Amino acid sequence: MSDISQQQHDEDDGTPKFGRLLIVLVLAVLLVVAITFASEAYYS
């Protein structure tokens, strides 16, 4: 019985981690885009 409850608990923990990972990836992409535009404006 305890194994089943642990598996459900792991699935519950996986959802917020995936959401947090998704947010971090989006922020990283936005940061790269911002640096690209900033460097382009600086060199031109």
Protein backbone atom coordinates (compact mmCIF):
# COMPACT_ATOMS: atom_id res chain seq x y z
CA MET A 1 0.00 0.00 0.00
CA SER A 2 2.79 2.44 0.83
CA ASP A 3 4.36 1.94 -2.63
CA ILE A 4 1.17 3.09 -4.36
CA SER A 5 0.92 6.23 -2.25
CA GLN A 6 4.58 7.05 -2.93
CA GLN A 7 4.06 6.73 -6.69
CA GLN A 8 1.09 9.11 -6.56
CA HIS A 9 3.13 11.51 -4.42
CA ASP A 10 5.97 11.46 -6.99
CA GLU A 11 3.51 12.27 -9.79
CA ASP A 12 2.17 15.22 -7.78
CA ASP A 13 5.72 16.48 -7.24
CA GLY A 14 6.54 16.09 -10.94
CA THR A 15 3.89 18.56 -12.13
CA PRO A 16 5.17 21.69 -10.30
CA LYS A 17 8.77 20.79 -11.22
CA PHE A 18 7.79 20.57 -14.90
CA GLY A 19 5.96 23.89 -14.68
CA ARG A 20 8.95 25.53 -12.99
CA LEU A 21 11.29 24.05 -15.61
CA LEU A 22 9.05 25.39 -18.37
CA ILE A 23 9.08 28.88 -16.82
CA VAL A 24 12.88 28.81 -16.46
CA LEU A 25 13.30 27.73 -20.09
CA VAL A 26 11.00 30.55 -21.28
CA LEU A 27 12.91 33.10 -19.18
CA ALA A 28 16.22 31.80 -20.56
CA VAL A 29 14.96 32.17 -24.15
CA LEU A 30 13.72 35.71 -23.44
CA LEU A 31 17.09 36.57 -21.91
CA VAL A 32 18.94 35.31 -24.99
CA VAL A 33 16.60 37.28 -27.28
CA ALA A 34 17.10 40.42 -25.17
CA ILE A 35 20.90 40.03 -25.33
CA THR A 36 20.72 39.48 -29.09
CA PHE A 37 18.70 42.65 -29.70
CA ALA A 38 20.86 44.65 -27.27
CA SER A 39 24.11 43.56 -28.92
CA GLU A 40 22.68 44.22 -32.37
CA ALA A 41 21.65 47.74 -31.33
CA TYR A 42 25.05 48.30 -29.72
CA TYR A 43 27.10 47.26 -32.76
CA SER A 44 24.93 49.00 -35.37
